[in-house]
Amino acid sequence: MVDAFEQWWDGVELWLAQLAFPFQFALLMAVLLPLCLGVARLIDRVVDNASTRFNPVPKVPPPGAEPQPGKVDPARPS
């Protein structure tokens, strides 16, 4: 199984090496650009989820909401 994969990969590598440079570049961009974009989005989501998990955003009441009893609102003079 591994030997068959190695032979296939050698054939692909030889085919790619024999292409003209503009075709190599176009093929590389067609494969690597979406792959890198997908990996970057995955990393962004993982970091975003980790940062919200370890540093949660405090819950702020909506503007105009009544203050809770027993809590001092510094914005309202007493």
C-alpha atoms as a PDB file:
ATOM      1  CA  MET A   1       0.000   0.000   0.000  1.00  0.00           C
ATOM      2  CA  VAL A   2       2.741   2.451   0.973  1.00  0.00           C
ATOM      3  CA  ASP A   3       4.813   1.387  -2.038  1.00  0.00           C
ATOM      4  CA  ALA A   4       1.916   2.111  -4.393  1.00  0.00           C
ATOM      5  CA  PHE A   5       1.443   5.543  -2.827  1.00  0.00           C
ATOM      6  CA  GLU A   6       5.153   6.296  -3.186  1.00  0.00           C
ATOM      7  CA  GLN A   7       5.089   5.338  -6.866  1.00  0.00           C
ATOM      8  CA  TRP A   8       2.016   7.501  -7.445  1.00  0.00           C
ATOM      9  CA  TRP A   9       3.617  10.435  -5.634  1.00  0.00           C
ATOM     10  CA  ASP A  10       6.813  10.065  -7.677  1.00  0.00           C
ATOM     11  CA  GLY A  11       4.706  10.201 -10.847  1.00  0.00           C
ATOM     12  CA  VAL A  12       2.902  13.337  -9.687  1.00  0.00           C
ATOM     13  CA  GLU A  13       6.181  14.951  -8.682  1.00  0.00           C
ATOM     14  CA  LEU A  14       7.766  14.158 -12.036  1.00  0.00           C
ATOM     15  CA  TRP A  15       4.712  15.485 -13.906  1.00  0.00           C
ATOM     16  CA  LEU A  16       4.752  18.709 -11.878  1.00  0.00           C
ATOM     17  CA  ALA A  17       8.514  19.192 -12.312  1.00  0.00           C
ATOM     18  CA  GLN A  18       8.198  18.876 -16.099  1.00  0.00           C
ATOM     19  CA  LEU A  19       5.506  21.558 -16.391  1.00  0.00           C
ATOM     20  CA  ALA A  20       6.420  25.057 -17.500  1.00  0.00           C
ATOM     21  CA  PHE A  21       6.851  27.576 -14.673  1.00  0.00           C
ATOM     22  CA  PRO A  22       3.587  29.516 -15.257  1.00  0.00           C
ATOM     23  CA  PHE A  23       1.603  26.275 -15.040  1.00  0.00           C
ATOM     24  CA  GLN A  24       3.478  25.215 -11.918  1.00  0.00           C
ATOM     25  CA  PHE A  25       2.731  28.580 -10.326  1.00  0.00           C
ATOM     26  CA  ALA A  26      -0.966  28.493 -11.309  1.00  0.00           C
ATOM     27  CA  LEU A  27      -1.371  24.954  -9.975  1.00  0.00           C
ATOM     28  CA  LEU A  28       0.434  25.826  -6.766  1.00  0.00           C
ATOM     29  CA  MET A  29      -1.813  28.857  -6.205  1.00  0.00           C
ATOM     30  CA  ALA A  30      -4.952  26.847  -7.009  1.00  0.00           C
ATOM     31  CA  VAL A  31      -4.026  24.278  -4.357  1.00  0.00           C
ATOM     32  CA  LEU A  32      -2.143  26.217  -1.686  1.00  0.00           C
ATOM     33  CA  LEU A  33      -4.227  29.389  -1.584  1.00  0.00           C
ATOM     34  CA  PRO A  34      -7.496  27.677  -0.526  1.00  0.00           C
ATOM     35  CA  LEU A  35      -5.587  25.329   1.769  1.00  0.00           C
ATOM     36  CA  CYS A  36      -3.827  28.186   3.554  1.00  0.00           C
ATOM     37  CA  LEU A  37      -7.074  30.153   3.788  1.00  0.00           C
ATOM     38  CA  GLY A  38      -8.813  27.175   5.387  1.00  0.00           C
ATOM     39  CA  VAL A  39      -5.990  26.620   7.872  1.00  0.00           C
ATOM     40  CA  ALA A  40      -5.966  30.328   8.765  1.00  0.00           C
ATOM     41  CA  ARG A  41      -9.728  30.300   9.408  1.00  0.00           C
ATOM     42  CA  LEU A  42      -9.395  27.165  11.535  1.00  0.00           C
ATOM     43  CA  ILE A  43      -6.610  28.739  13.607  1.00  0.00           C
ATOM     44  CA  ASP A  44      -8.681  31.918  13.975  1.00  0.00           C
ATOM     45  CA  ARG A  45     -11.690  29.978  15.279  1.00  0.00           C
ATOM     46  CA  VAL A  46      -9.591  27.925  17.695  1.00  0.00           C
ATOM     47  CA  VAL A  47      -7.870  31.015  19.103  1.00  0.00           C
ATOM     48  CA  ASP A  48     -11.180  32.902  19.313  1.00  0.00           C
ATOM     49  CA  ASN A  49     -12.853  30.039  21.186  1.00  0.00           C
ATOM     50  CA  ALA A  50      -9.889  29.654  23.534  1.00  0.00           C
ATOM     51  CA  SER A  51      -9.749  33.377  24.287  1.00  0.00           C
ATOM     52  CA  THR A  52     -13.479  33.560  25.081  1.00  0.00           C
ATOM     53  CA  ARG A  53     -13.215  30.462  27.245  1.00  0.00           C
ATOM     54  CA  PHE A  54     -10.268  31.732  29.305  1.00  0.00           C
ATOM     55  CA  ASN A  55     -11.216  35.426  29.291  1.00  0.00           C
ATOM     56  CA  PRO A  56     -15.019  35.697  29.124  1.00  0.00           C
ATOM     57  CA  VAL A  57     -16.681  39.010  28.315  1.00  0.00           C
ATOM     58  CA  PRO A  58     -18.544  40.368  31.371  1.00  0.00           C
ATOM     59  CA  LYS A  59     -22.303  40.544  30.984  1.00  0.00           C
ATOM     60  CA  VAL A  60     -23.394  44.176  30.743  1.00  0.00           C
ATOM     61  CA  PRO A  61     -27.056  45.075  31.224  1.00  0.00           C
ATOM     62  CA  PRO A  62     -28.700  46.790  28.253  1.00  0.00           C
ATOM     63  CA  PRO A  63     -28.921  50.593  28.356  1.00  0.00           C
ATOM     64  CA  GLY A  64     -31.978  51.875  30.207  1.00  0.00           C
ATOM     65  CA  ALA A  65     -32.385  48.734  32.306  1.00  0.00           C
ATOM     66  CA  GLU A  66     -33.338  49.123  35.944  1.00  0.00           C
ATOM     67  CA  PRO A  67     -30.457  48.617  38.371  1.00  0.00           C
ATOM     68  CA  GLN A  68     -30.620  45.511  40.513  1.00  0.00           C
ATOM     69  CA  PRO A  69     -31.547  46.046  44.157  1.00  0.00           C
ATOM     70  CA  GLY A  70     -28.554  46.167  46.468  1.00  0.00           C
ATOM     71  CA  LYS A  71     -26.136  47.274  43.744  1.00  0.00           C
ATOM     72  CA  VAL A  72     -24.781  50.800  43.512  1.00  0.00           C
ATOM     73  CA  ASP A  73     -24.918  52.451  40.080  1.00  0.00           C
ATOM     74  CA  PRO A  74     -22.036  54.947  39.851  1.00  0.00           C
ATOM     75  CA  ALA A  75     -23.685  56.715  36.910  1.00  0.00           C
ATOM     76  CA  ARG A  76     -26.759  57.722  38.929  1.00  0.00           C
ATOM     77  CA  PRO A  77     -26.377  60.351  41.622  1.00  0.00           C
ATOM     78  CA  SER A  78     -28.028  59.425  44.910  1.00  0.00           C
END
